[in-house]
């Protein structure tokens, strides 16, 4: 076979190493740092200038202007791109106000490599926005914007030199607001992955606090996560059933060590011939052989790409340490806990229909008819004497395994199976996902 035509096989150790050292997040941060910058946009009558002035560490670029023809807009975007590529914007981040006002402008900015990692949509009723517009005052020296009701300077010199904003009739303002309402839905869709709506009809300090909290928030990692689940529990705790439910819902590989050994022994392979005598005589297969078989299975493409749930191995501390030395480290470990009395009740009273293969239990799932009841068979391995021996061995190794996996989750298995599954499922995803934060702020605020 041509070497170039072979499928790409990624060693399982690579995924574990990448997760441990957050390689995906590191690459993502670098890409963001190279490709994107920060911006804030506005629409009429909101206190954008005051808000952006509070973010004093960022470079503020104001682009206040009416909606423009495409040729002029392209020129604006080119000028913005040139300014934001300078070292102060790259290092400190920046705030851009006044653009985009339409979806087309937003897409043009993205094509130019200018895209936010935070977008805030400030919303207020039209009546409030009209009132704010009529009360605006501008400091001709600094360019700061004030309001006779909401934001008034304390310095008397500043008060004396304030000027009214260029008169805009109420009809013109209503037309601008209508234009904004027509465009805002498309802008929402454009920035839907990083947009947060905030009520602007409240004191500006409260609005700023909410905006600042959002733009300083950390983004959860979107790094691909391959689940590697390990189930422990005494006989009868429902490990096989829970593994089956997890496998079916999340499409990960269900690996029962005992079933895997039986499948290998049925194959006409050297390893199958080696372990067959142990299985036929009821002896324990040597750990070295089990680990070799398990390592080969866990290294297959389905396990490395989809993940796996393993039960029946390891049974003691030595086996668990060898599994870790082979670089098959679980991302989630669960201990299904129950008392010996419950285990005896569950195991010794279960049976199987040899005709259909259906499993039954004298208490929890009795045979549906006398005919089925008469043909039920009990597994000799489910005798109380053998079960007590298995329980003794399990509890002898339980504490050492718990010490090896201190972050394991302990779940009460003496419940309805679906209740147990819900408890497992709620803890399958990482409780503390890796976070990454991009130091250079990239924020866009859309005002309405």
Protein backbone atom coordinates (compact mmCIF):
# COMPACT_ATOMS: atom_id res chain seq x y z
CA UNK A 1 0.00 0.00 0.00
CA UNK A 2 1.22 3.48 -0.86
CA UNK A 3 2.43 5.18 2.33
CA UNK A 4 0.74 8.43 1.32
CA UNK A 5 -2.61 6.66 1.02
CA UNK A 6 -2.59 5.25 4.54
CA UNK A 7 -5.04 6.84 6.99
CA UNK A 8 -3.53 9.26 9.47
CA UNK A 9 -3.09 7.48 12.81
CA UNK A 10 -2.58 9.76 15.77
CA UNK A 11 -1.05 8.00 18.79
CA UNK A 12 -3.43 8.05 21.79
CA UNK A 13 -0.68 9.62 23.87
CA UNK A 14 -0.87 12.73 21.68
CA UNK A 15 -4.45 13.54 22.68
CA UNK A 16 -3.65 13.13 26.37
CA UNK A 17 -0.55 15.31 26.07
CA UNK A 18 -2.49 17.99 24.16
CA UNK A 19 -5.24 18.08 26.79
CA UNK A 20 -2.78 18.17 29.69
CA UNK A 21 -0.73 21.03 28.26
CA UNK A 22 -3.67 22.85 26.59
CA UNK A 23 -2.02 22.77 23.16
CA UNK A 24 -5.28 23.47 21.33
CA UNK A 25 -5.95 26.57 23.44
CA UNK A 26 -2.39 27.82 22.94
CA UNK A 27 -2.72 27.56 19.16
CA UNK A 28 -6.14 29.22 19.28
CA UNK A 29 -4.84 32.15 21.32
CA UNK A 30 -1.95 32.64 18.89
CA UNK A 31 -4.29 32.60 15.91
CA UNK A 32 -6.54 35.15 17.56
CA UNK A 33 -3.57 37.33 18.42
CA UNK A 34 -2.40 37.31 14.82
CA UNK A 35 -5.75 37.63 13.07
CA UNK A 36 -8.10 39.81 15.07
CA UNK A 37 -8.41 43.10 16.93
CA UNK A 38 -10.92 44.91 19.19
CA UNK A 39 -13.74 47.22 18.31
CA UNK A 40 -16.83 48.96 19.71
CA UNK A 41 -19.66 50.26 17.50
CA UNK A 42 -22.58 52.57 18.25
CA UNK A 43 -25.89 53.91 16.99
CA UNK A 44 -27.45 57.30 17.70
CA UNK A 45 -28.27 58.82 21.08
CA UNK A 46 -26.43 56.44 23.43
CA UNK A 47 -23.60 57.55 25.73
CA UNK A 48 -20.91 55.71 23.75
CA UNK A 49 -18.25 58.36 24.15
CA UNK A 50 -18.58 58.43 27.93
CA UNK A 51 -18.50 54.63 28.14
CA UNK A 52 -15.45 54.29 25.93
CA UNK A 53 -13.62 57.02 27.84
CA UNK A 54 -13.93 54.89 30.97
CA UNK A 55 -11.95 52.12 29.28
CA UNK A 56 -8.84 54.26 29.51
CA UNK A 57 -6.28 51.53 28.79
CA UNK A 58 -7.62 50.91 25.30
CA UNK A 59 -7.10 53.04 22.22
CA UNK A 60 -10.42 54.68 21.29
CA UNK A 61 -11.16 55.26 17.62
CA UNK A 62 -14.40 57.14 16.95
CA UNK A 63 -16.05 56.78 13.54
CA UNK A 64 -19.29 58.65 14.11
CA UNK A 65 -20.97 59.23 10.76
CA UNK A 66 -24.21 58.43 8.92
CA UNK A 67 -24.61 55.26 6.89
CA UNK A 68 -22.36 55.70 3.85
CA UNK A 69 -22.18 54.35 0.30
CA UNK A 70 -20.05 51.23 -0.10
CA UNK A 71 -17.12 53.01 -1.78
CA UNK A 72 -16.77 55.50 1.07
CA UNK A 73 -17.31 52.76 3.67
CA UNK A 74 -14.50 50.69 2.11
CA UNK A 75 -12.20 53.69 2.43
CA UNK A 76 -13.15 54.10 6.08
CA UNK A 77 -12.44 50.44 6.76
CA UNK A 78 -9.06 50.67 5.07
CA UNK A 79 -8.15 53.64 7.26
CA UNK A 80 -9.38 51.79 10.36
CA UNK A 81 -7.36 48.72 9.45
CA UNK A 82 -4.21 50.79 9.05
CA UNK A 83 -4.70 52.55 12.39
CA UNK A 84 -5.51 49.40 14.33
CA UNK A 85 -2.43 47.65 13.00
CA UNK A 86 -0.16 50.07 14.86
CA UNK A 87 1.76 48.85 17.87
CA UNK A 88 -0.33 50.60 20.54
CA UNK A 89 -3.53 48.93 19.35
CA UNK A 90 -1.84 45.56 18.96
CA UNK A 91 -0.44 45.64 22.49
CA UNK A 92 -3.16 47.45 24.42
CA UNK A 93 -6.29 46.66 22.44
CA UNK A 94 -8.75 49.27 21.21
CA UNK A 95 -12.31 50.55 21.19
CA UNK A 96 -13.99 51.43 17.90
CA UNK A 97 -17.27 53.34 17.91
CA UNK A 98 -19.59 54.34 15.10
CA UNK A 99 -18.95 51.38 12.81
CA UNK A 100 -20.38 48.96 11.78
CA UNK A 101 -23.95 50.16 11.47
CA UNK A 102 -25.01 47.53 8.94
CA UNK A 103 -24.33 43.87 8.35
CA UNK A 104 -22.45 44.72 5.16
CA UNK A 105 -20.09 46.96 7.12
CA UNK A 106 -19.60 44.23 9.72
CA UNK A 107 -18.70 41.69 7.04
CA UNK A 108 -16.32 44.16 5.41
CA UNK A 109 -14.58 44.65 8.75
CA UNK A 110 -14.24 40.90 9.16
CA UNK A 111 -12.80 40.55 5.66
CA UNK A 112 -10.24 43.18 6.63
CA UNK A 113 -9.26 41.12 9.69
CA UNK A 114 -11.03 43.42 12.16
CA UNK A 115 -13.29 41.29 14.34
CA UNK A 116 -14.27 41.44 18.02
CA UNK A 117 -14.06 38.78 20.67
CA UNK A 118 -16.78 40.58 22.67
CA UNK A 119 -19.86 42.39 21.39
CA UNK A 120 -22.25 44.22 23.71
CA UNK A 121 -25.68 45.36 22.56
CA UNK A 122 -26.96 48.23 24.72
CA UNK A 123 -30.73 48.47 24.45
CA UNK A 124 -33.15 51.20 25.57
CA UNK A 125 -36.65 52.36 24.55
CA UNK A 126 -36.82 54.90 21.74
CA UNK A 127 -38.40 57.50 24.05
CA UNK A 128 -35.40 57.31 26.37
CA UNK A 129 -32.97 57.61 23.48
CA UNK A 130 -34.77 60.68 22.11
CA UNK A 131 -34.68 62.33 25.54
CA UNK A 132 -30.96 61.64 25.84
CA UNK A 133 -30.27 63.09 22.42
CA UNK A 134 -32.01 66.35 23.20
CA UNK A 135 -30.02 66.87 26.41
CA UNK A 136 -26.53 66.23 25.04
CA UNK A 137 -23.74 68.75 25.55
CA UNK A 138 -20.20 68.60 24.14
CA UNK A 139 -16.95 69.91 25.56
CA UNK A 140 -15.22 71.54 22.54
CA UNK A 141 -11.81 71.25 24.21
CA UNK A 142 -11.78 67.54 25.06
CA UNK A 143 -14.61 66.29 22.88
CA UNK A 144 -16.26 64.62 25.89
CA UNK A 145 -20.02 64.21 25.73
CA UNK A 146 -22.24 65.12 28.69
CA UNK A 147 -25.95 65.25 29.42
CA UNK A 148 -27.98 67.78 31.37
CA UNK A 149 -29.77 65.01 33.28
CA UNK A 150 -27.64 61.90 33.28
CA UNK A 151 -23.98 62.93 33.01
CA UNK A 152 -23.05 66.43 34.17
CA UNK A 153 -19.46 67.59 34.82
CA UNK A 154 -18.43 68.69 38.31
CA UNK A 155 -15.83 71.17 37.04
CA UNK A 156 -17.43 74.63 36.65
CA UNK A 157 -14.99 75.59 33.90
CA UNK A 158 -16.10 72.58 31.87
CA UNK A 159 -19.74 73.49 32.47
CA UNK A 160 -19.20 77.02 31.15
CA UNK A 161 -17.68 75.90 27.88
CA UNK A 162 -20.17 73.13 27.07
CA UNK A 163 -21.96 73.50 23.76
CA UNK A 164 -25.14 72.03 22.41
CA UNK A 165 -24.76 69.22 19.94
CA UNK A 166 -25.51 70.10 16.35
CA UNK A 167 -29.26 70.28 16.18
CA UNK A 168 -30.97 67.10 15.03
CA UNK A 169 -34.72 67.27 14.65
CA UNK A 170 -36.91 64.69 16.28
CA UNK A 171 -37.99 63.51 12.84
CA UNK A 172 -34.37 62.93 11.82
CA UNK A 173 -33.69 61.10 15.07
CA UNK A 174 -36.72 58.86 14.61
CA UNK A 175 -35.52 58.08 11.07
CA UNK A 176 -32.09 57.13 12.41
CA UNK A 177 -33.66 54.87 15.03
CA UNK A 178 -35.82 53.20 12.40
CA UNK A 179 -32.71 52.60 10.32
CA UNK A 180 -31.03 51.04 13.34
CA UNK A 181 -34.00 48.77 14.09
CA UNK A 182 -33.89 47.52 10.51
CA UNK A 183 -30.20 46.65 10.78
CA UNK A 184 -29.85 45.42 14.37
CA UNK A 185 -31.30 41.95 13.75
CA UNK A 186 -28.71 41.24 11.06
CA UNK A 187 -25.96 42.58 13.33
CA UNK A 188 -27.16 40.24 16.08
CA UNK A 189 -26.84 37.28 13.73
CA UNK A 190 -23.41 38.41 12.54
CA UNK A 191 -22.03 38.55 16.08
CA UNK A 192 -24.25 35.90 17.68
CA UNK A 193 -21.31 33.91 19.06
CA UNK A 194 -19.89 36.79 21.07
CA UNK A 195 -22.82 39.16 21.65
CA UNK A 196 -24.39 40.08 24.99
CA UNK A 197 -27.41 42.34 25.43
CA UNK A 198 -27.40 44.86 28.30
CA UNK A 199 -30.15 47.23 29.41
CA UNK A 200 -28.86 50.78 28.85
CA UNK A 201 -31.83 52.42 30.58
CA UNK A 202 -30.04 52.61 33.94
CA UNK A 203 -27.25 54.71 35.49
CA UNK A 204 -24.19 54.79 33.28
CA UNK A 205 -21.98 53.46 36.08
CA UNK A 206 -24.14 50.33 36.34
CA UNK A 207 -24.06 49.88 32.58
CA UNK A 208 -20.29 50.23 32.56
CA UNK A 209 -19.90 47.68 35.35
CA UNK A 210 -21.90 45.14 33.37
CA UNK A 211 -19.99 45.85 30.17
CA UNK A 212 -16.64 45.63 31.92
CA UNK A 213 -17.61 42.38 33.62
CA UNK A 214 -18.48 40.88 30.26
CA UNK A 215 -15.40 42.03 28.35
CA UNK A 216 -13.16 40.73 31.13
CA UNK A 217 -14.91 37.36 31.21
CA UNK A 218 -12.92 34.32 30.22
CA UNK A 219 -13.91 32.19 27.29
CA UNK A 220 -14.41 28.49 27.86
CA UNK A 221 -12.13 26.36 25.79
CA UNK A 222 -13.57 24.80 22.65
CA UNK A 223 -10.74 22.29 22.47
CA UNK A 224 -11.89 18.87 21.28
CA UNK A 225 -12.41 16.53 24.21
CA UNK A 226 -12.19 12.75 23.83
CA UNK A 227 -13.96 11.10 26.79
CA UNK A 228 -12.03 8.34 28.55
CA UNK A 229 -14.27 6.91 31.26
CA UNK A 230 -13.36 4.32 33.87
CA UNK A 231 -16.07 2.56 35.90
CA UNK A 232 -15.44 0.83 39.23
CA UNK A 233 -17.94 -0.94 41.41
CA UNK A 234 -18.69 -4.21 43.20
CA UNK A 235 -20.43 -7.05 41.35
CA UNK A 236 -24.06 -6.16 40.68
CA UNK A 237 -23.50 -2.39 40.83
CA UNK A 238 -24.60 -1.98 37.21
CA UNK A 239 -21.28 -1.17 35.53
CA UNK A 240 -22.20 -3.00 32.31
CA UNK A 241 -25.59 -1.29 32.04
CA UNK A 242 -24.21 2.18 32.72
CA UNK A 243 -21.38 1.66 30.24
CA UNK A 244 -23.94 0.59 27.64
CA UNK A 245 -26.08 3.68 28.26
CA UNK A 246 -23.07 6.00 28.05
CA UNK A 247 -21.87 4.32 24.88
CA UNK A 248 -25.26 4.52 23.19
CA UNK A 249 -25.89 8.17 23.99
CA UNK A 250 -22.41 9.57 23.34
CA UNK A 251 -21.24 7.14 20.64
CA UNK A 252 -18.10 6.13 22.51
CA UNK A 253 -16.60 2.64 22.56
CA UNK A 254 -17.89 0.32 25.29
CA UNK A 255 -15.08 -1.95 26.51
CA UNK A 256 -15.74 -4.74 28.98
CA UNK A 257 -12.43 -6.42 29.79
CA UNK A 258 -13.98 -9.87 30.24
CA UNK A 259 -15.87 -9.73 26.95
CA UNK A 260 -12.76 -8.44 25.19
CA UNK A 261 -10.71 -11.41 26.43
CA UNK A 262 -13.39 -13.86 25.30
CA UNK A 263 -13.50 -12.24 21.86
CA UNK A 264 -9.72 -12.49 21.51
CA UNK A 265 -9.69 -16.14 22.62
CA UNK A 266 -12.27 -16.95 19.95
CA UNK A 267 -9.98 -15.57 17.23
CA UNK A 268 -7.38 -17.77 15.61
CA UNK A 269 -4.49 -15.57 16.72
CA UNK A 270 -1.39 -16.27 18.76
CA UNK A 271 -2.69 -14.20 21.66
CA UNK A 272 -6.05 -15.94 21.47
CA UNK A 273 -4.40 -19.34 21.72
CA UNK A 274 -2.32 -18.15 24.68
CA UNK A 275 -5.22 -16.92 26.81
CA UNK A 276 -7.74 -19.65 25.90
CA UNK A 277 -6.45 -22.19 28.47
CA UNK A 278 -6.78 -19.62 31.26
CA UNK A 279 -10.37 -18.80 30.36
CA UNK A 280 -11.40 -22.43 29.93
CA UNK A 281 -9.96 -23.41 33.31
CA UNK A 282 -11.38 -20.35 35.07
CA UNK A 283 -7.94 -19.02 35.97
CA UNK A 284 -7.00 -15.36 35.86
CA UNK A 285 -5.25 -14.26 32.67
CA UNK A 286 -1.79 -12.81 33.47
CA UNK A 287 -1.74 -9.02 33.72
CA UNK A 288 0.90 -8.69 31.01
CA UNK A 289 -1.36 -10.44 28.48
CA UNK A 290 -4.45 -8.51 29.54
CA UNK A 291 -2.59 -5.22 29.28
CA UNK A 292 -1.21 -6.11 25.84
CA UNK A 293 -4.70 -6.93 24.56
CA UNK A 294 -6.22 -3.85 26.16
CA UNK A 295 -3.48 -1.54 24.89
CA UNK A 296 -3.96 -2.78 21.34
CA UNK A 297 -7.73 -2.24 21.55
CA UNK A 298 -7.51 1.24 23.09
CA UNK A 299 -5.04 2.27 20.38
CA UNK A 300 -7.50 1.65 17.57
CA UNK A 301 -8.89 4.57 15.64
CA UNK A 302 -12.42 4.37 17.07
CA UNK A 303 -11.14 4.67 20.64
CA UNK A 304 -8.71 7.50 19.89
CA UNK A 305 -11.27 9.56 17.98
CA UNK A 306 -14.57 8.76 19.74
CA UNK A 307 -13.38 7.92 23.25
CA UNK A 308 -14.05 4.90 25.43
CA UNK A 309 -15.70 3.66 28.61
CA UNK A 310 -13.84 0.80 30.31
CA UNK A 311 -15.04 -1.54 33.07
CA UNK A 312 -13.72 -4.81 34.46
CA UNK A 313 -10.14 -3.52 34.47
CA UNK A 314 -8.13 -2.54 36.44
CA UNK A 315 -9.05 -4.62 39.48
CA UNK A 316 -6.17 -3.66 41.75
CA UNK A 317 -3.56 -0.95 42.25
CA UNK A 318 -0.84 -2.73 40.27
CA UNK A 319 -3.06 -3.08 37.21
CA UNK A 320 -4.16 0.56 37.47
CA UNK A 321 -0.56 1.77 37.64
CA UNK A 322 0.39 -0.33 34.61
CA UNK A 323 -2.55 1.15 32.70
CA UNK A 324 -1.32 4.64 33.49
CA UNK A 325 2.24 3.74 32.53
CA UNK A 326 0.83 2.73 29.14
CA UNK A 327 -0.44 6.34 28.81
CA UNK A 328 -4.11 5.37 28.87
CA UNK A 329 -5.20 7.85 31.49
CA UNK A 330 -8.94 8.23 32.10
CA UNK A 331 -10.47 11.69 32.00
CA UNK A 332 -13.33 10.62 34.28
CA UNK A 333 -13.40 7.92 36.97
CA UNK A 334 -16.59 6.76 38.69
CA UNK A 335 -17.06 4.51 41.71
CA UNK A 336 -20.54 2.94 41.80
CA UNK A 337 -21.16 2.25 45.47
CA UNK A 338 -23.58 -0.14 47.17
CA UNK A 339 -23.69 -2.46 50.18
CA UNK A 340 -22.95 -6.19 50.07
CA UNK A 341 -26.56 -7.03 50.94
CA UNK A 342 -27.83 -5.18 47.88
CA UNK A 343 -25.15 -6.80 45.70
CA UNK A 344 -26.16 -10.29 46.91
CA UNK A 345 -29.83 -9.56 46.24
CA UNK A 346 -29.10 -8.29 42.74
CA UNK A 347 -26.68 -11.01 41.63
CA UNK A 348 -27.97 -14.24 43.16
CA UNK A 349 -31.55 -13.71 41.97
CA UNK A 350 -30.79 -12.95 38.34
CA UNK A 351 -31.25 -15.45 35.51
CA UNK A 352 -31.24 -15.68 31.72
CA UNK A 353 -33.61 -17.07 29.12
CA UNK A 354 -31.52 -19.42 26.90
CA UNK A 355 -33.99 -19.04 24.04
CA UNK A 356 -34.12 -15.25 23.74
CA UNK A 357 -31.00 -14.29 25.71
CA UNK A 358 -33.13 -11.92 27.80
CA UNK A 359 -32.04 -11.34 31.40
CA UNK A 360 -34.53 -11.48 34.28
CA UNK A 361 -34.53 -10.95 38.03
CA UNK A 362 -36.80 -12.60 40.57
CA UNK A 363 -37.66 -9.26 42.24
CA UNK A 364 -36.98 -6.44 39.79
CA UNK A 365 -37.79 -8.09 36.45
CA UNK A 366 -39.68 -11.38 36.84
CA UNK A 367 -40.39 -13.68 33.90
CA UNK A 368 -43.41 -12.53 31.86
CA UNK A 369 -45.02 -15.98 31.75
CA UNK A 370 -44.83 -19.42 33.42
CA UNK A 371 -43.42 -20.83 30.18
CA UNK A 372 -40.45 -18.46 30.29
CA UNK A 373 -40.04 -19.04 34.02
CA UNK A 374 -39.62 -22.79 33.57
CA UNK A 375 -36.75 -22.43 31.10
CA UNK A 376 -34.76 -19.77 32.99
CA UNK A 377 -31.19 -20.71 33.87
CA UNK A 378 -28.95 -19.40 36.64
CA UNK A 379 -25.25 -18.82 36.09
CA UNK A 380 -23.11 -20.88 38.51
CA UNK A 381 -20.80 -17.87 38.82
CA UNK A 382 -23.68 -15.99 40.46
CA UNK A 383 -23.76 -18.28 43.48
CA UNK A 384 -23.60 -16.57 46.85
CA UNK A 385 -20.32 -18.27 47.77
CA UNK A 386 -18.51 -17.02 44.66
CA UNK A 387 -20.08 -13.59 44.99
CA UNK A 388 -18.86 -13.21 48.58
CA UNK A 389 -15.34 -14.06 47.43
CA UNK A 390 -15.54 -11.46 44.64
CA UNK A 391 -16.81 -8.84 47.07
CA UNK A 392 -13.97 -9.61 49.46
CA UNK A 393 -11.41 -9.11 46.68
CA UNK A 394 -13.09 -5.92 45.50
CA UNK A 395 -13.17 -4.25 48.91
CA UNK A 396 -9.56 -5.29 49.56
CA UNK A 397 -8.46 -3.14 46.59
CA UNK A 398 -11.07 -0.39 46.79
CA UNK A 399 -9.22 2.02 49.09
CA UNK A 400 -5.94 1.85 47.14
CA UNK A 401 -7.77 2.51 43.86
CA UNK A 402 -9.56 5.47 45.41
CA UNK A 403 -6.21 6.85 46.56
CA UNK A 404 -4.87 6.54 43.01
CA UNK A 405 -7.88 8.43 41.62
CA UNK A 406 -8.54 11.14 44.24
CA UNK A 407 -10.74 13.16 41.85
CA UNK A 408 -13.03 10.22 41.13
CA UNK A 409 -16.78 10.69 41.48
CA UNK A 410 -18.66 8.44 43.91
CA UNK A 411 -22.25 7.60 43.00
CA UNK A 412 -24.87 5.69 44.92
CA UNK A 413 -25.67 2.68 42.73
CA UNK A 414 -28.56 1.55 44.94
CA UNK A 415 -31.04 3.54 42.86
CA UNK A 416 -33.04 3.20 39.69
CA UNK A 417 -30.56 2.61 36.80
CA UNK A 418 -31.72 5.72 34.95
CA UNK A 419 -31.25 7.84 38.08
CA UNK A 420 -27.71 6.50 38.35
CA UNK A 421 -27.14 7.32 34.67
CA UNK A 422 -28.35 10.89 35.18
CA UNK A 423 -25.83 11.28 38.00
CA UNK A 424 -23.07 9.89 35.79
CA UNK A 425 -24.06 12.03 32.84
CA UNK A 426 -24.09 15.25 34.87
CA UNK A 427 -20.43 14.67 35.70
CA UNK A 428 -19.16 13.41 32.37
CA UNK A 429 -18.24 16.86 31.10
CA UNK A 430 -15.28 18.63 32.76
CA UNK A 431 -16.37 20.52 35.87
CA UNK A 432 -13.59 23.06 35.36
CA UNK A 433 -13.05 23.38 31.60
CA UNK A 434 -9.75 24.86 30.57
CA UNK A 435 -10.13 28.60 30.16
CA UNK A 436 -8.11 30.82 27.97
CA UNK A 437 -7.97 34.57 27.93
CA UNK A 438 -6.66 36.82 25.22
CA UNK A 439 -4.78 39.70 26.80
CA UNK A 440 -5.45 42.22 24.04
CA UNK A 441 -9.06 43.37 24.47
CA UNK A 442 -11.31 43.07 21.42
CA UNK A 443 -14.74 44.47 22.18
CA UNK A 444 -17.61 45.71 20.07
CA UNK A 445 -20.58 47.46 21.64
CA UNK A 446 -23.73 48.00 19.64
CA UNK A 447 -26.12 50.56 21.04
CA UNK A 448 -29.82 50.94 20.46
